[in-house]
Amino acid sequence: MSNLKRSLLLLITAGLLAGTAHARIGESRSSLENRLFKDRKGVKVPARDQSNWITHKSVPYRALYEFFPDGIEEAVYYKIAEDGQATTADVNENQFPDGWMLHVVYKNGQSVFEAYRRNGAGITRYEEEAILVVNQGGSHWQRVNAKEAKPSVFGYNLERADGQVRAQLRGNYLLVYRVEFDEVVKAGKDEADAETDAEKKDEAPKSVEGF
């Protein structure tokens, strides 16, 4: 990459950091919301509408939602992608208005799971890079081959070098989450799957009786 191209990419990324990435994994809810709501760039989706948004058929992790652990707090936010101000009317009129939707799960007051959804357009590589940069903390991202990835309920192809956070772009969603949250949700799903399998095993003899 030439110095000019590298400089342009840094400028683009810097601009996106200021305008797009309003959430950082591991930070407090108050810090996240103070930044997101500054200049009214973002608003919180009313609580009555959050469950409908999270369980919408387009949400790639909706089938895992029932395995989210107790003791968490959640919020869904809407943020405009251009100049202007966001309002609750935007999400009242359209479940997925142009811009960004952000689903955040908090544990002990800190963000452990963040799902960024781009509405009205796909997530560009510059937007993806900008979000990943602000979520790398003091570490850096490493690409992970599918064959080398550890068991994960959400799936990932990126992991921070410190082993604490994973990420994956899935369509118009970018998922960023802490490894321990992934493990807790996976454990809940594995337990439920084992119970279902045991029930099917117990039911099988009666089901085929008489053949």
N, C-alpha and C. Protein backbone atom coordinates (compact mmCIF):
# COMPACT_ATOMS: atom_id res chain seq x y z
N MET A 1 0.85 -1.20 0.00
CA MET A 1 0.00 0.00 0.00
C MET A 1 0.89 1.24 0.00
N SER A 2 0.58 2.20 -0.88
CA SER A 2 1.36 3.42 -0.95
C SER A 2 1.13 4.27 0.28
N ASN A 3 2.06 5.21 0.53
CA ASN A 3 1.90 6.11 1.67
C ASN A 3 0.64 6.95 1.54
N LEU A 4 0.31 7.35 0.29
CA LEU A 4 -0.90 8.16 0.07
C LEU A 4 -2.14 7.36 0.42
N LYS A 5 -2.21 6.12 -0.08
CA LYS A 5 -3.37 5.29 0.21
C LYS A 5 -3.48 5.00 1.70
N ARG A 6 -2.33 4.77 2.34
CA ARG A 6 -2.34 4.50 3.77
C ARG A 6 -2.85 5.72 4.54
N SER A 7 -2.42 6.90 4.12
CA SER A 7 -2.85 8.14 4.78
C SER A 7 -4.34 8.36 4.59
N LEU A 8 -4.83 8.10 3.38
CA LEU A 8 -6.26 8.27 3.11
C LEU A 8 -7.09 7.30 3.95
N LEU A 9 -6.61 6.06 4.07
CA LEU A 9 -7.33 5.08 4.86
C LEU A 9 -7.37 5.49 6.32
N LEU A 10 -6.28 6.03 6.83
CA LEU A 10 -6.24 6.48 8.22
C LEU A 10 -7.20 7.63 8.44
N LEU A 11 -7.29 8.53 7.47
CA LEU A 11 -8.21 9.66 7.58
C LEU A 11 -9.65 9.19 7.55
N ILE A 12 -9.95 8.25 6.65
CA ILE A 12 -11.31 7.72 6.57
C ILE A 12 -11.68 7.02 7.87
N THR A 13 -10.75 6.20 8.37
CA THR A 13 -11.01 5.48 9.61
C THR A 13 -11.21 6.43 10.77
N ALA A 14 -10.40 7.48 10.83
CA ALA A 14 -10.53 8.45 11.92
C ALA A 14 -11.89 9.12 11.87
N GLY A 15 -12.35 9.44 10.67
CA GLY A 15 -13.66 10.06 10.54
C GLY A 15 -14.77 9.13 10.96
N LEU A 16 -14.63 7.87 10.62
CA LEU A 16 -15.65 6.89 10.99
C LEU A 16 -15.64 6.64 12.49
N LEU A 17 -14.47 6.69 13.09
CA LEU A 17 -14.40 6.51 14.54
C LEU A 17 -15.22 7.57 15.25
N ALA A 18 -15.20 8.75 14.74
CA ALA A 18 -15.94 9.85 15.37
C ALA A 18 -17.41 9.77 15.07
N GLY A 19 -17.77 9.25 13.89
CA GLY A 19 -19.17 9.31 13.48
C GLY A 19 -19.94 8.03 13.56
N THR A 20 -19.25 6.88 13.63
CA THR A 20 -19.94 5.61 13.55
C THR A 20 -19.82 4.79 14.83
N ALA A 21 -18.62 4.62 15.33
CA ALA A 21 -18.40 3.69 16.44
C ALA A 21 -18.72 4.35 17.77
N HIS A 22 -19.92 4.14 18.24
CA HIS A 22 -20.35 4.76 19.48
C HIS A 22 -20.44 3.75 20.63
N ALA A 23 -19.96 2.56 20.42
CA ALA A 23 -19.99 1.56 21.49
C ALA A 23 -18.64 0.87 21.54
N ARG A 24 -18.23 0.51 22.74
CA ARG A 24 -16.97 -0.20 22.91
C ARG A 24 -17.17 -1.32 23.91
N ILE A 25 -16.79 -2.51 23.53
CA ILE A 25 -17.00 -3.67 24.38
C ILE A 25 -16.25 -3.49 25.70
N GLY A 26 -16.90 -3.82 26.80
CA GLY A 26 -16.28 -3.74 28.11
C GLY A 26 -16.49 -2.44 28.84
N GLU A 27 -17.07 -1.43 28.18
CA GLU A 27 -17.26 -0.15 28.86
C GLU A 27 -18.59 -0.13 29.61
N SER A 28 -18.76 0.87 30.45
CA SER A 28 -19.97 0.98 31.26
C SER A 28 -21.13 1.49 30.42
N ARG A 29 -22.32 1.21 30.90
CA ARG A 29 -23.52 1.66 30.19
C ARG A 29 -23.58 3.19 30.15
N SER A 30 -23.22 3.82 31.25
CA SER A 30 -23.29 5.28 31.29
C SER A 30 -22.32 5.91 30.28
N SER A 31 -21.12 5.36 30.16
CA SER A 31 -20.15 5.89 29.20
C SER A 31 -20.64 5.71 27.78
N LEU A 32 -21.17 4.53 27.50
CA LEU A 32 -21.67 4.25 26.16
C LEU A 32 -22.80 5.20 25.79
N GLU A 33 -23.77 5.34 26.71
CA GLU A 33 -24.94 6.15 26.40
C GLU A 33 -24.61 7.64 26.36
N ASN A 34 -23.70 8.09 27.20
CA ASN A 34 -23.31 9.51 27.17
C ASN A 34 -22.74 9.88 25.81
N ARG A 35 -21.94 8.99 25.25
CA ARG A 35 -21.35 9.26 23.95
C ARG A 35 -22.37 9.11 22.83
N LEU A 36 -23.19 8.07 22.92
CA LEU A 36 -24.18 7.80 21.87
C LEU A 36 -25.24 8.89 21.79
N PHE A 37 -25.64 9.41 22.95
CA PHE A 37 -26.71 10.41 22.97
C PHE A 37 -26.21 11.84 22.77
N LYS A 38 -24.89 12.01 22.72
CA LYS A 38 -24.33 13.35 22.54
C LYS A 38 -24.79 13.93 21.21
N ASP A 39 -25.23 15.18 21.24
CA ASP A 39 -25.73 15.86 20.04
C ASP A 39 -26.91 15.13 19.41
N ARG A 40 -27.53 14.25 20.20
CA ARG A 40 -28.73 13.52 19.77
C ARG A 40 -28.49 12.71 18.50
N LYS A 41 -27.30 12.14 18.41
CA LYS A 41 -27.00 11.27 17.27
C LYS A 41 -27.69 9.91 17.42
N GLY A 42 -28.02 9.56 18.66
CA GLY A 42 -28.65 8.28 18.89
C GLY A 42 -29.74 8.38 19.93
N VAL A 43 -30.65 7.39 19.92
CA VAL A 43 -31.73 7.31 20.90
C VAL A 43 -31.91 5.85 21.31
N LYS A 44 -32.50 5.66 22.45
CA LYS A 44 -32.80 4.32 22.93
C LYS A 44 -34.16 3.88 22.41
N VAL A 45 -34.23 2.67 21.91
CA VAL A 45 -35.51 2.12 21.45
C VAL A 45 -36.37 1.86 22.68
N PRO A 46 -37.64 2.28 22.67
CA PRO A 46 -38.52 2.06 23.83
C PRO A 46 -38.53 0.59 24.26
N ALA A 47 -38.57 0.37 25.56
CA ALA A 47 -38.50 -0.99 26.11
C ALA A 47 -39.58 -1.90 25.53
N ARG A 48 -40.76 -1.34 25.27
CA ARG A 48 -41.87 -2.16 24.76
C ARG A 48 -41.57 -2.74 23.37
N ASP A 49 -40.64 -2.12 22.65
CA ASP A 49 -40.34 -2.56 21.28
C ASP A 49 -39.05 -3.37 21.19
N GLN A 50 -38.29 -3.44 22.27
CA GLN A 50 -36.98 -4.08 22.19
C GLN A 50 -37.06 -5.57 21.91
N SER A 51 -37.97 -6.28 22.58
CA SER A 51 -38.05 -7.73 22.39
C SER A 51 -38.46 -8.07 20.97
N ASN A 52 -39.34 -7.26 20.37
CA ASN A 52 -39.76 -7.49 18.99
C ASN A 52 -38.58 -7.33 18.04
N TRP A 53 -37.72 -6.37 18.35
CA TRP A 53 -36.56 -6.14 17.50
C TRP A 53 -35.55 -7.28 17.64
N ILE A 54 -35.28 -7.70 18.87
CA ILE A 54 -34.26 -8.72 19.12
C ILE A 54 -34.66 -10.07 18.52
N THR A 55 -35.95 -10.38 18.54
CA THR A 55 -36.41 -11.69 18.07
C THR A 55 -36.91 -11.65 16.63
N HIS A 56 -36.69 -10.55 15.92
CA HIS A 56 -37.10 -10.46 14.52
C HIS A 56 -36.39 -11.54 13.69
N LYS A 57 -37.07 -12.05 12.68
CA LYS A 57 -36.54 -13.16 11.89
C LYS A 57 -35.21 -12.83 11.20
N SER A 58 -34.91 -11.55 11.03
CA SER A 58 -33.66 -11.16 10.37
C SER A 58 -32.46 -11.15 11.31
N VAL A 59 -32.71 -11.28 12.61
CA VAL A 59 -31.62 -11.23 13.60
C VAL A 59 -30.91 -12.59 13.61
N PRO A 60 -29.62 -12.66 13.28
CA PRO A 60 -28.94 -13.95 13.11
C PRO A 60 -28.79 -14.78 14.38
N TYR A 61 -28.91 -14.18 15.54
CA TYR A 61 -28.73 -14.92 16.80
C TYR A 61 -30.04 -15.06 17.57
N ARG A 62 -31.18 -14.85 16.90
CA ARG A 62 -32.47 -14.85 17.60
C ARG A 62 -32.74 -16.20 18.28
N ALA A 63 -32.30 -17.31 17.68
CA ALA A 63 -32.54 -18.63 18.25
C ALA A 63 -31.74 -18.86 19.53
N LEU A 64 -30.74 -18.02 19.76
CA LEU A 64 -29.90 -18.17 20.96
C LEU A 64 -30.38 -17.30 22.11
N TYR A 65 -31.32 -16.42 21.82
CA TYR A 65 -31.73 -15.44 22.81
C TYR A 65 -32.26 -16.09 24.08
N GLU A 66 -32.94 -17.22 23.95
CA GLU A 66 -33.50 -17.89 25.13
C GLU A 66 -32.42 -18.42 26.06
N PHE A 67 -31.20 -18.51 25.58
CA PHE A 67 -30.10 -19.03 26.40
C PHE A 67 -29.24 -17.92 27.01
N PHE A 68 -29.62 -16.67 26.77
CA PHE A 68 -28.89 -15.59 27.42
C PHE A 68 -29.06 -15.73 28.93
N PRO A 69 -28.02 -15.55 29.71
CA PRO A 69 -28.07 -15.82 31.16
C PRO A 69 -28.90 -14.81 31.93
N ASP A 70 -29.29 -15.21 33.13
CA ASP A 70 -29.97 -14.30 34.04
C ASP A 70 -28.97 -13.25 34.54
N GLY A 71 -29.50 -12.16 35.06
CA GLY A 71 -28.65 -11.14 35.65
C GLY A 71 -28.04 -10.17 34.66
N ILE A 72 -28.53 -10.19 33.43
CA ILE A 72 -28.01 -9.24 32.44
C ILE A 72 -29.01 -8.09 32.25
N GLU A 73 -28.52 -7.02 31.69
CA GLU A 73 -29.37 -5.91 31.26
C GLU A 73 -29.17 -5.73 29.76
N GLU A 74 -30.21 -5.30 29.08
CA GLU A 74 -30.12 -5.13 27.63
C GLU A 74 -30.69 -3.79 27.21
N ALA A 75 -30.24 -3.34 26.07
CA ALA A 75 -30.79 -2.12 25.48
C ALA A 75 -30.57 -2.18 23.97
N VAL A 76 -31.51 -1.61 23.25
CA VAL A 76 -31.39 -1.47 21.80
C VAL A 76 -31.39 0.02 21.48
N TYR A 77 -30.46 0.44 20.66
CA TYR A 77 -30.31 1.85 20.32
C TYR A 77 -30.41 2.05 18.81
N TYR A 78 -30.82 3.24 18.44
CA TYR A 78 -30.81 3.64 17.03
C TYR A 78 -29.90 4.84 16.89
N LYS A 79 -29.03 4.83 15.87
CA LYS A 79 -28.13 5.95 15.61
C LYS A 79 -28.15 6.30 14.13
N ILE A 80 -28.28 7.59 13.85
CA ILE A 80 -28.23 8.02 12.46
C ILE A 80 -26.82 7.85 11.92
N ALA A 81 -26.72 7.69 10.60
CA ALA A 81 -25.41 7.50 9.98
C ALA A 81 -24.91 8.78 9.30
N GLU A 82 -25.77 9.79 9.23
CA GLU A 82 -25.40 11.03 8.57
C GLU A 82 -25.64 12.20 9.51
N ASP A 83 -25.50 13.41 9.00
CA ASP A 83 -25.76 14.59 9.81
C ASP A 83 -27.23 14.67 10.19
N GLY A 84 -27.50 15.24 11.34
CA GLY A 84 -28.87 15.37 11.79
C GLY A 84 -29.03 14.86 13.20
N GLN A 85 -30.27 14.63 13.61
CA GLN A 85 -30.56 14.15 14.95
C GLN A 85 -31.52 12.96 14.87
N ALA A 86 -31.30 12.01 15.75
CA ALA A 86 -32.17 10.84 15.83
C ALA A 86 -33.32 11.13 16.78
N THR A 87 -34.48 10.55 16.51
CA THR A 87 -35.65 10.71 17.38
C THR A 87 -36.33 9.37 17.57
N THR A 88 -37.09 9.24 18.64
CA THR A 88 -37.83 8.00 18.86
C THR A 88 -38.89 7.81 17.79
N ALA A 89 -39.31 8.90 17.15
CA ALA A 89 -40.28 8.79 16.06
C ALA A 89 -39.71 7.97 14.91
N ASP A 90 -38.40 8.03 14.74
CA ASP A 90 -37.76 7.26 13.66
C ASP A 90 -38.02 5.77 13.83
N VAL A 91 -37.88 5.27 15.06
CA VAL A 91 -38.07 3.83 15.30
C VAL A 91 -39.53 3.48 15.51
N ASN A 92 -40.36 4.45 15.81
CA ASN A 92 -41.80 4.19 15.92
C ASN A 92 -42.41 4.01 14.54
N GLU A 93 -41.88 4.74 13.57
CA GLU A 93 -42.41 4.69 12.21
C GLU A 93 -41.84 3.54 11.40
N ASN A 94 -40.65 3.09 11.74
CA ASN A 94 -39.97 2.04 10.98
C ASN A 94 -39.12 1.22 11.94
N GLN A 95 -39.35 -0.08 11.96
CA GLN A 95 -38.59 -0.93 12.89
C GLN A 95 -37.10 -0.90 12.59
N PHE A 96 -36.75 -0.72 11.32
CA PHE A 96 -35.34 -0.69 10.93
C PHE A 96 -35.08 0.54 10.06
N PRO A 97 -35.09 1.73 10.65
CA PRO A 97 -34.85 2.95 9.87
C PRO A 97 -33.40 3.03 9.37
N ASP A 98 -33.18 3.77 8.30
CA ASP A 98 -31.83 3.92 7.77
C ASP A 98 -30.88 4.41 8.86
N GLY A 99 -29.72 3.83 8.89
CA GLY A 99 -28.73 4.17 9.91
C GLY A 99 -28.25 2.92 10.61
N TRP A 100 -28.07 3.01 11.92
CA TRP A 100 -27.55 1.89 12.71
C TRP A 100 -28.51 1.51 13.84
N MET A 101 -28.64 0.21 14.05
CA MET A 101 -29.29 -0.32 15.24
C MET A 101 -28.20 -1.03 16.04
N LEU A 102 -28.24 -0.88 17.34
CA LEU A 102 -27.21 -1.47 18.19
C LEU A 102 -27.88 -2.17 19.37
N HIS A 103 -27.67 -3.47 19.48
CA HIS A 103 -28.17 -4.25 20.61
C HIS A 103 -26.99 -4.53 21.54
N VAL A 104 -27.12 -4.08 22.78
CA VAL A 104 -26.04 -4.24 23.76
C VAL A 104 -26.52 -5.05 24.96
N VAL A 105 -25.71 -6.01 25.37
CA VAL A 105 -25.97 -6.77 26.59
C VAL A 105 -24.95 -6.34 27.63
N TYR A 106 -25.45 -5.97 28.80
CA TYR A 106 -24.58 -5.54 29.91
C TYR A 106 -24.58 -6.60 31.02
N LYS A 107 -23.42 -6.88 31.54
CA LYS A 107 -23.27 -7.77 32.69
C LYS A 107 -22.44 -7.04 33.73
N ASN A 108 -22.98 -6.94 34.94
CA ASN A 108 -22.31 -6.18 36.00
C ASN A 108 -21.98 -4.77 35.55
N GLY A 109 -22.89 -4.20 34.78
CA GLY A 109 -22.74 -2.81 34.36
C GLY A 109 -21.81 -2.57 33.19
N GLN A 110 -21.25 -3.64 32.62
CA GLN A 110 -20.33 -3.48 31.50
C GLN A 110 -20.82 -4.22 30.27
N SER A 111 -20.52 -3.68 29.12
CA SER A 111 -20.93 -4.28 27.85
C SER A 111 -20.16 -5.58 27.61
N VAL A 112 -20.92 -6.67 27.32
CA VAL A 112 -20.28 -7.96 27.03
C VAL A 112 -20.67 -8.49 25.65
N PHE A 113 -21.68 -7.88 25.04
CA PHE A 113 -22.14 -8.31 23.71
C PHE A 113 -22.70 -7.11 22.98
N GLU A 114 -22.26 -6.91 21.74
CA GLU A 114 -22.75 -5.79 20.94
C GLU A 114 -23.01 -6.27 19.52
N ALA A 115 -24.22 -6.02 19.04
CA ALA A 115 -24.60 -6.38 17.67
C ALA A 115 -24.92 -5.11 16.92
N TYR A 116 -24.11 -4.81 15.93
CA TYR A 116 -24.29 -3.61 15.11
C TYR A 116 -25.02 -4.01 13.83
N ARG A 117 -26.15 -3.38 13.57
CA ARG A 117 -26.90 -3.65 12.34
C ARG A 117 -26.95 -2.38 11.50
N ARG A 118 -26.56 -2.50 10.25
CA ARG A 118 -26.60 -1.37 9.32
C ARG A 118 -27.88 -1.48 8.50
N ASN A 119 -28.72 -0.46 8.57
CA ASN A 119 -29.97 -0.44 7.82
C ASN A 119 -29.85 0.49 6.62
N GLY A 120 -30.48 0.10 5.51
CA GLY A 120 -30.49 0.95 4.33
C GLY A 120 -29.27 0.79 3.45
N ALA A 121 -28.26 0.10 3.93
CA ALA A 121 -27.03 -0.13 3.17
C ALA A 121 -26.24 -1.22 3.89
N GLY A 122 -25.34 -1.86 3.17
CA GLY A 122 -24.49 -2.85 3.80
C GLY A 122 -23.38 -2.18 4.59
N ILE A 123 -22.78 -2.93 5.50
CA ILE A 123 -21.64 -2.41 6.26
C ILE A 123 -20.42 -2.38 5.35
N THR A 124 -19.84 -1.22 5.16
CA THR A 124 -18.64 -1.13 4.32
C THR A 124 -17.43 -1.64 5.10
N ARG A 125 -16.37 -1.94 4.37
CA ARG A 125 -15.17 -2.43 5.07
C ARG A 125 -14.56 -1.33 5.93
N TYR A 126 -14.79 -0.07 5.55
CA TYR A 126 -14.27 1.03 6.34
C TYR A 126 -15.03 1.15 7.67
N GLU A 127 -16.34 0.94 7.60
CA GLU A 127 -17.14 0.97 8.82
C GLU A 127 -16.78 -0.20 9.73
N GLU A 128 -16.61 -1.37 9.12
CA GLU A 128 -16.22 -2.55 9.90
C GLU A 128 -14.88 -2.31 10.59
N GLU A 129 -13.91 -1.80 9.84
CA GLU A 129 -12.58 -1.54 10.41
C GLU A 129 -12.66 -0.53 11.55
N ALA A 130 -13.48 0.50 11.37
CA ALA A 130 -13.60 1.54 12.40
C ALA A 130 -14.16 0.97 13.70
N ILE A 131 -15.19 0.14 13.57
CA ILE A 131 -15.80 -0.46 14.76
C ILE A 131 -14.82 -1.41 15.44
N LEU A 132 -14.09 -2.17 14.65
CA LEU A 132 -13.12 -3.10 15.23
C LEU A 132 -12.00 -2.35 15.95
N VAL A 133 -11.56 -1.24 15.38
CA VAL A 133 -10.47 -0.47 15.99
C VAL A 133 -10.85 0.00 17.39
N VAL A 134 -12.07 0.55 17.55
CA VAL A 134 -12.43 1.06 18.88
C VAL A 134 -12.74 -0.07 19.86
N ASN A 135 -12.87 -1.29 19.34
CA ASN A 135 -13.14 -2.43 20.22
C ASN A 135 -11.89 -3.28 20.47
N GLN A 136 -10.74 -2.85 20.00
CA GLN A 136 -9.54 -3.66 20.20
C GLN A 136 -8.84 -3.36 21.52
N GLY A 137 -9.24 -2.28 22.22
CA GLY A 137 -8.62 -1.96 23.49
C GLY A 137 -7.12 -1.78 23.31
N GLY A 138 -6.35 -2.36 24.20
CA GLY A 138 -4.90 -2.27 24.08
C GLY A 138 -4.31 -3.44 23.32
N SER A 139 -5.17 -4.23 22.68
CA SER A 139 -4.73 -5.40 21.95
C SER A 139 -4.86 -5.14 20.45
N HIS A 140 -4.94 -6.21 19.65
CA HIS A 140 -5.17 -6.07 18.21
C HIS A 140 -5.92 -7.31 17.73
N TRP A 141 -6.54 -7.18 16.57
CA TRP A 141 -7.36 -8.27 16.04
C TRP A 141 -6.53 -9.23 15.20
N GLN A 142 -6.88 -10.51 15.30
CA GLN A 142 -6.25 -11.54 14.50
C GLN A 142 -7.32 -12.34 13.77
N ARG A 143 -7.10 -12.62 12.49
CA ARG A 143 -8.06 -13.42 11.75
C ARG A 143 -7.90 -14.89 12.13
N VAL A 144 -9.03 -15.59 12.27
CA VAL A 144 -9.02 -16.98 12.72
C VAL A 144 -9.59 -17.87 11.63
N ASN A 145 -8.85 -18.89 11.25
CA ASN A 145 -9.32 -19.86 10.28
C ASN A 145 -10.43 -20.70 10.90
N ALA A 146 -11.46 -21.01 10.13
CA ALA A 146 -12.61 -21.76 10.65
C ALA A 146 -12.18 -23.10 11.25
N LYS A 147 -11.17 -23.73 10.68
CA LYS A 147 -10.71 -25.02 11.19
C LYS A 147 -9.99 -24.88 12.52
N GLU A 148 -9.49 -23.69 12.81
CA GLU A 148 -8.73 -23.47 14.04
C GLU A 148 -9.56 -22.81 15.13
N ALA A 149 -10.77 -22.38 14.79
CA ALA A 149 -11.62 -21.69 15.75
C ALA A 149 -12.09 -22.64 16.85
N LYS A 150 -12.16 -22.13 18.05
CA LYS A 150 -12.67 -22.92 19.18
C LYS A 150 -14.19 -22.95 19.13
N PRO A 151 -14.82 -23.91 19.83
CA PRO A 151 -16.28 -23.97 19.83
C PRO A 151 -16.90 -22.63 20.23
N SER A 152 -17.88 -22.20 19.46
CA SER A 152 -18.52 -20.91 19.69
C SER A 152 -19.97 -20.99 19.27
N VAL A 153 -20.85 -20.44 20.08
CA VAL A 153 -22.27 -20.47 19.74
C VAL A 153 -22.64 -19.36 18.77
N PHE A 154 -21.91 -18.25 18.80
CA PHE A 154 -22.19 -17.13 17.89
C PHE A 154 -21.40 -17.23 16.59
N GLY A 155 -20.25 -17.90 16.65
CA GLY A 155 -19.38 -17.98 15.50
C GLY A 155 -18.46 -16.77 15.43
N TYR A 156 -17.26 -16.96 14.90
CA TYR A 156 -16.33 -15.84 14.78
C TYR A 156 -15.23 -16.17 13.78
N ASN A 157 -14.68 -15.14 13.17
CA ASN A 157 -13.49 -15.29 12.33
C ASN A 157 -12.43 -14.26 12.69
N LEU A 158 -12.71 -13.51 13.76
CA LEU A 158 -11.75 -12.55 14.29
C LEU A 158 -11.70 -12.70 15.81
N GLU A 159 -10.51 -12.62 16.36
CA GLU A 159 -10.35 -12.69 17.81
C GLU A 159 -9.23 -11.74 18.22
N ARG A 160 -9.44 -11.04 19.33
CA ARG A 160 -8.37 -10.19 19.83
C ARG A 160 -7.20 -11.04 20.29
N ALA A 161 -6.00 -10.48 20.14
CA ALA A 161 -4.80 -11.22 20.50
C ALA A 161 -4.77 -11.59 21.97
N ASP A 162 -5.48 -10.81 22.81
CA ASP A 162 -5.52 -11.13 24.24
C ASP A 162 -6.51 -12.25 24.55
N GLY A 163 -7.22 -12.74 23.53
CA GLY A 163 -8.14 -13.86 23.70
C GLY A 163 -9.42 -13.54 24.44
N GLN A 164 -9.74 -12.28 24.62
CA GLN A 164 -10.90 -11.90 25.43
C GLN A 164 -12.15 -11.54 24.62
N VAL A 165 -11.98 -11.18 23.36
CA VAL A 165 -13.10 -10.70 22.55
C VAL A 165 -13.06 -11.32 21.16
N ARG A 166 -14.25 -11.64 20.64
CA ARG A 166 -14.38 -12.21 19.30
C ARG A 166 -15.30 -11.33 18.47
N ALA A 167 -15.23 -11.52 17.15
CA ALA A 167 -16.09 -10.72 16.26
C ALA A 167 -16.34 -11.48 14.97
N GLN A 168 -17.46 -11.14 14.34
CA GLN A 168 -17.77 -11.72 13.03
C GLN A 168 -18.77 -10.83 12.30
N LEU A 169 -18.54 -10.64 11.01
CA LEU A 169 -19.47 -9.93 10.15
C LEU A 169 -20.42 -10.96 9.56
N ARG A 170 -21.73 -10.76 9.79
CA ARG A 170 -22.74 -11.69 9.28
C ARG A 170 -23.80 -10.87 8.55
N GLY A 171 -23.67 -10.79 7.23
CA GLY A 171 -24.61 -9.99 6.46
C GLY A 171 -24.47 -8.52 6.82
N ASN A 172 -25.58 -7.92 7.22
CA ASN A 172 -25.52 -6.50 7.63
C ASN A 172 -25.38 -6.36 9.14
N TYR A 173 -24.89 -7.42 9.79
CA TYR A 173 -24.61 -7.40 11.23
C TYR A 173 -23.12 -7.58 11.47
N LEU A 174 -22.62 -6.86 12.45
CA LEU A 174 -21.27 -7.09 12.97
C LEU A 174 -21.42 -7.41 14.45
N LEU A 175 -21.07 -8.63 14.83
CA LEU A 175 -21.16 -9.06 16.23
C LEU A 175 -19.80 -8.92 16.89
N VAL A 176 -19.77 -8.31 18.06
CA VAL A 176 -18.56 -8.18 18.87
C VAL A 176 -18.93 -8.58 20.29
N TYR A 177 -18.21 -9.52 20.86
CA TYR A 177 -18.62 -10.03 22.17
C TYR A 177 -17.44 -10.60 22.95
N ARG A 178 -17.61 -10.62 24.26
CA ARG A 178 -16.58 -11.19 25.13
C ARG A 178 -16.69 -12.71 25.11
N VAL A 179 -15.54 -13.36 25.17
CA VAL A 179 -15.48 -14.82 25.07
C VAL A 179 -16.29 -15.49 26.18
N GLU A 180 -16.22 -14.95 27.40
CA GLU A 180 -16.93 -15.60 28.50
C GLU A 180 -18.44 -15.57 28.30
N PHE A 181 -18.96 -14.52 27.64
CA PHE A 181 -20.40 -14.48 27.36
C PHE A 181 -20.76 -15.55 26.33
N ASP A 182 -19.93 -15.70 25.34
CA ASP A 182 -20.11 -16.76 24.34
C ASP A 182 -20.16 -18.13 25.02
N GLU A 183 -19.25 -18.35 25.96
CA GLU A 183 -19.16 -19.64 26.64
C GLU A 183 -20.39 -19.91 27.52
N VAL A 184 -20.89 -18.87 28.19
CA VAL A 184 -22.07 -19.04 29.04
C VAL A 184 -23.30 -19.37 28.20
N VAL A 185 -23.48 -18.66 27.10
CA VAL A 185 -24.63 -18.92 26.23
C VAL A 185 -24.52 -20.32 25.62
N LYS A 186 -23.32 -20.70 25.21
CA LYS A 186 -23.10 -22.03 24.64
C LYS A 186 -23.41 -23.12 25.66
N ALA A 187 -23.00 -22.91 26.91
CA ALA A 187 -23.27 -23.90 27.95
C ALA A 187 -24.77 -24.08 28.16
N GLY A 188 -25.51 -22.97 28.14
CA GLY A 188 -26.96 -23.05 28.29
C GLY A 188 -27.60 -23.80 27.14
N LYS A 189 -27.14 -23.55 25.93
CA LYS A 189 -27.68 -24.23 24.76
C LYS A 189 -27.32 -25.71 24.79
N ASP A 190 -26.08 -26.02 25.14
CA ASP A 190 -25.64 -27.42 25.19
C ASP A 190 -26.47 -28.20 26.21
N GLU A 191 -26.75 -27.59 27.35
CA GLU A 191 -27.56 -28.26 28.38
C GLU A 191 -28.97 -28.52 27.87
N ALA A 192 -29.56 -27.53 27.21
CA ALA A 192 -30.91 -27.70 26.67
C ALA A 192 -30.93 -28.76 25.58
N ASP A 193 -29.90 -28.77 24.73
CA ASP A 193 -29.83 -29.77 23.66
C ASP A 193 -29.69 -31.18 24.24
N ALA A 194 -28.92 -31.31 25.32
CA ALA A 194 -28.74 -32.62 25.95
C ALA A 194 -30.05 -33.12 26.55
N GLU A 195 -30.81 -32.22 27.17
CA GLU A 195 -32.11 -32.60 27.73
C GLU A 195 -33.08 -33.02 26.65
N THR A 196 -33.09 -32.30 25.54
CA THR A 196 -33.96 -32.65 24.42
C THR A 196 -33.59 -34.00 23.84
N ASP A 197 -32.29 -34.25 23.72
CA ASP A 197 -31.83 -35.52 23.18
C ASP A 197 -32.21 -36.67 24.10
N ALA A 198 -32.12 -36.46 25.42
CA ALA A 198 -32.49 -37.50 26.38
C ALA A 198 -33.98 -37.81 26.30
N GLU A 199 -34.79 -36.78 26.12
CA GLU A 199 -36.23 -36.98 25.99
C GLU A 199 -36.56 -37.79 24.74
N LYS A 200 -35.90 -37.48 23.65
CA LYS A 200 -36.14 -38.21 22.40
C LYS A 200 -35.72 -39.67 22.53
N LYS A 201 -34.63 -39.90 23.27
CA LYS A 201 -34.17 -41.27 23.49
C LYS A 201 -35.20 -42.05 24.30
N ASP A 202 -35.77 -41.42 25.34
CA ASP A 202 -36.77 -42.08 26.17
C ASP A 202 -38.06 -42.35 25.40
N GLU A 203 -38.39 -41.47 24.48
CA GLU A 203 -39.64 -41.60 23.73
C GLU A 203 -39.54 -42.59 22.57
N ALA A 204 -38.33 -42.87 22.13
CA ALA A 204 -38.14 -43.70 20.94
C ALA A 204 -38.75 -45.10 21.06
N PRO A 205 -38.55 -45.86 22.17
CA PRO A 205 -39.12 -47.21 22.25
C PRO A 205 -40.64 -47.23 22.07
N LYS A 206 -41.33 -46.32 22.72
CA LYS A 206 -42.79 -46.27 22.59
C LYS A 206 -43.20 -45.86 21.19
N SER A 207 -42.43 -44.97 20.60
CA SER A 207 -42.75 -44.47 19.27
C SER A 207 -42.71 -45.58 18.22
N VAL A 208 -41.75 -46.48 18.33
CA VAL A 208 -41.58 -47.52 17.31
C VAL A 208 -42.20 -48.86 17.73
N GLU A 209 -42.83 -48.90 18.90
CA GLU A 209 -43.45 -50.14 19.38
C GLU A 209 -44.50 -50.64 18.39
N GLY A 210 -44.43 -51.90 18.07
CA GLY A 210 -45.41 -52.48 17.16
C GLY A 210 -44.91 -52.66 15.75
N PHE A 211 -43.75 -52.09 15.44
CA PHE A 211 -43.20 -52.28 14.10
C PHE A 211 -42.70 -53.71 13.95
